[in-house]
Protein backbone atom coordinates (compact mmCIF):
# COMPACT_ATOMS: atom_id res chain seq x y z
CA VAL A 1 -63.77 -88.64 93.12
CA VAL A 2 -63.19 -88.07 96.82
CA GLU A 3 -61.59 -90.73 99.03
CA PRO A 4 -63.35 -90.56 102.43
CA GLU A 5 -61.99 -91.77 105.73
CA VAL A 6 -62.49 -95.32 107.04
CA PRO A 7 -66.16 -96.12 107.77
CA ALA A 8 -67.29 -95.68 111.37
CA GLY A 9 -68.86 -98.44 113.48
CA ASP A 10 -70.82 -101.03 111.53
CA ALA A 11 -70.80 -99.10 108.26
CA LEU A 12 -69.67 -100.98 105.15
CA ALA A 13 -68.86 -97.66 103.46
CA THR A 14 -68.98 -93.98 104.41
CA PHE A 15 -69.29 -91.41 101.63
CA ASN A 16 -68.25 -87.84 102.37
CA PHE A 17 -68.53 -85.09 99.79
CA GLY A 18 -65.17 -83.36 99.96
CA ASP A 19 -62.67 -82.17 102.53
CA ASN A 20 -63.70 -80.23 105.62
CA GLY A 21 -62.49 -76.67 105.38
CA GLU A 22 -63.00 -73.09 106.42
CA ALA A 23 -66.07 -72.40 108.58
CA ALA A 24 -68.24 -70.70 105.97
CA HIS A 25 -71.35 -71.61 103.99
CA VAL A 26 -70.25 -72.54 100.47
CA ASP A 27 -72.94 -73.64 98.00
CA GLY A 28 -70.63 -75.18 95.40
CA SER A 29 -71.45 -75.60 91.70
CA ASP A 30 -74.16 -77.62 89.96
CA LEU A 31 -72.87 -81.22 89.76
CA GLY A 32 -74.89 -82.05 86.62
CA ALA A 33 -76.98 -85.17 86.01
CA SER A 34 -74.78 -87.72 87.79
CA THR A 35 -71.64 -88.08 89.87
CA SER A 36 -69.96 -90.84 91.86
CA TYR A 37 -68.00 -91.24 95.10
CA THR A 38 -65.86 -94.19 96.21
CA SER A 39 -65.28 -95.66 99.68
CA GLY A 40 -63.12 -98.79 99.74
CA ASP A 41 -64.77 -101.37 97.45
CA TYR A 42 -68.07 -99.44 97.28
CA THR A 43 -69.31 -96.77 94.89
CA LEU A 44 -72.14 -94.33 95.45
CA GLU A 45 -73.46 -93.36 92.00
CA LEU A 46 -75.88 -90.42 92.28
CA THR A 47 -78.13 -90.30 89.20
CA GLY A 48 -81.19 -88.37 88.10
CA MET A 49 -79.65 -85.36 89.79
CA SER A 50 -81.30 -81.99 89.57
CA LYS A 51 -80.22 -78.90 91.52
CA VAL A 52 -77.45 -80.74 93.43
CA PHE A 53 -74.40 -78.61 94.24
CA GLY A 54 -70.92 -79.38 95.50
CA PRO A 55 -68.40 -79.39 96.85
CA ALA A 56 -70.26 -77.39 99.48
CA SER A 57 -69.67 -76.71 103.16
CA ASP A 58 -71.81 -75.73 106.12
CA ALA A 59 -71.20 -72.81 108.51
CA LYS A 60 -68.82 -74.99 110.58
CA GLY A 61 -66.76 -76.04 107.53
CA ASN A 62 -68.10 -79.61 107.24
CA SER A 63 -68.02 -80.88 103.66
CA CYS A 64 -71.42 -81.67 102.13
CA ILE A 65 -73.60 -81.42 99.07
CA LYS A 66 -76.47 -78.92 98.81
CA LEU A 67 -79.84 -79.70 97.25
CA GLY A 68 -82.35 -77.24 95.86
CA THR A 69 -82.44 -73.50 95.22
CA SER A 70 -84.74 -70.80 96.53
CA SER A 71 -87.36 -71.80 93.95
CA LYS A 72 -86.43 -75.29 92.62
CA VAL A 73 -86.41 -78.71 94.29
CA GLY A 74 -83.27 -80.81 94.43
CA THR A 75 -83.29 -84.55 93.81
CA PHE A 76 -81.11 -87.61 93.22
CA SER A 77 -81.34 -91.41 93.26
CA PHE A 78 -78.89 -94.23 93.84
CA THR A 79 -78.99 -98.02 93.90
CA VAL A 80 -77.17 -99.99 96.59
CA PRO A 81 -75.38 -103.34 96.22
CA GLU A 82 -77.22 -106.52 97.26
CA ASN A 83 -75.42 -106.83 100.64
CA VAL A 84 -76.39 -103.29 101.75
CA THR A 85 -79.49 -103.62 103.95
CA GLU A 86 -79.61 -100.09 105.34
CA VAL A 87 -78.61 -96.60 104.24
CA VAL A 88 -78.15 -93.66 106.61
CA ILE A 89 -78.30 -90.15 105.14
CA TYR A 90 -77.12 -87.28 107.37
CA VAL A 91 -79.15 -84.20 106.38
CA ALA A 92 -79.58 -80.66 107.74
CA GLN A 93 -81.67 -77.62 106.94
CA TYR A 94 -79.94 -75.14 104.67
CA LYS A 95 -78.74 -72.45 107.08
CA ALA A 96 -81.77 -72.14 109.41
CA ASN A 97 -84.58 -72.50 106.84
CA THR A 98 -87.36 -75.02 107.43
CA THR A 99 -86.67 -78.10 105.32
CA LYS A 100 -89.00 -80.88 104.27
CA ILE A 101 -87.64 -83.81 102.33
CA ASN A 102 -89.02 -87.03 100.88
CA VAL A 103 -87.06 -90.28 100.82
CA ASN A 104 -88.67 -93.25 99.03
CA GLY A 105 -92.18 -91.88 99.60
CA THR A 106 -91.78 -90.90 103.26
CA ASP A 107 -91.83 -87.21 104.25
CA TYR A 108 -89.45 -85.86 106.90
CA THR A 109 -89.19 -82.42 108.48
CA ILE A 110 -85.56 -81.62 109.27
CA THR A 111 -84.94 -79.46 112.33
CA THR A 112 -81.14 -79.57 112.60
CA ALA A 113 -79.43 -76.64 110.87
CA SER A 114 -76.29 -76.41 108.76
CA ASN A 115 -75.63 -73.10 110.58
CA ASN A 116 -74.83 -75.27 113.63
CA GLY A 117 -73.07 -78.08 111.75
CA GLU A 118 -75.68 -80.53 113.11
CA TYR A 119 -77.26 -83.25 110.99
CA THR A 120 -80.26 -85.57 111.37
CA ALA A 121 -79.69 -89.26 110.57
CA ILE A 122 -82.40 -90.58 108.23
CA THR A 123 -82.27 -94.41 108.12
CA ILE A 124 -83.67 -96.21 105.06
CA ASP A 125 -84.30 -99.96 104.98
CA THR A 126 -82.81 -101.30 101.74
CA THR A 127 -83.39 -105.01 102.41
CA THR A 128 -85.87 -105.29 99.53
CA THR A 129 -85.93 -101.88 97.81
CA LYS A 130 -82.39 -101.27 96.57
CA THR A 131 -83.00 -97.82 95.03
CA VAL A 132 -83.12 -94.71 97.20
CA THR A 133 -84.72 -91.51 95.86
CA PHE A 134 -84.16 -88.30 97.83
CA THR A 135 -86.04 -85.05 97.06
CA THR A 136 -86.60 -81.70 98.73
CA VAL A 137 -90.38 -81.29 98.99
CA SER A 138 -90.93 -77.73 97.75
CA GLY A 139 -89.04 -74.78 96.35
CA GLY A 140 -87.11 -73.02 99.06
CA ALA A 141 -86.75 -76.22 101.11
CA ARG A 142 -83.05 -76.51 100.47
CA CYS A 143 -80.92 -78.93 102.48
CA MET A 144 -77.36 -80.07 102.96
CA ILE A 145 -76.17 -83.68 103.16
CA ASP A 146 -72.96 -84.31 105.08
CA THR A 147 -72.55 -88.09 104.75
CA ILE A 148 -74.22 -91.20 103.32
CA GLU A 149 -73.43 -94.58 104.90
CA TYR A 150 -73.99 -98.09 103.60
CA LYS A 151 -74.68 -100.68 106.31
CA GLY A 152 -75.11 -104.43 106.03
């Protein structure tokens, strides 16, 4: 379990996936079917995981988790507490490969690249739907997630 820094801005909790380190792509190891992270009084419990790797890092050394392989999709789900009305997931392409993801039925094409250490903020309304499901769309569409924030 990794203890992240204090949440930024209006975030209730900020979940990072390890310590920032050497500027080098590191894929990490398969995390199994579930894992959890803690930030203050909040827990992020990733379940239904398939092809999720960590601790990983992007080319700039930012800690993250990696989803997918060259031929298999990566996926996970999590459920937020009642007072969390929004979730922000910071996601990047794996290296410079085109990445398409699906979050709760909505497709996104990610254009920021982990080679540059840049991430796209995907905001999910969790006012009524408290479960978030994140999936890479097709084999080879790997991605890296730097941070997940709970907002209220």
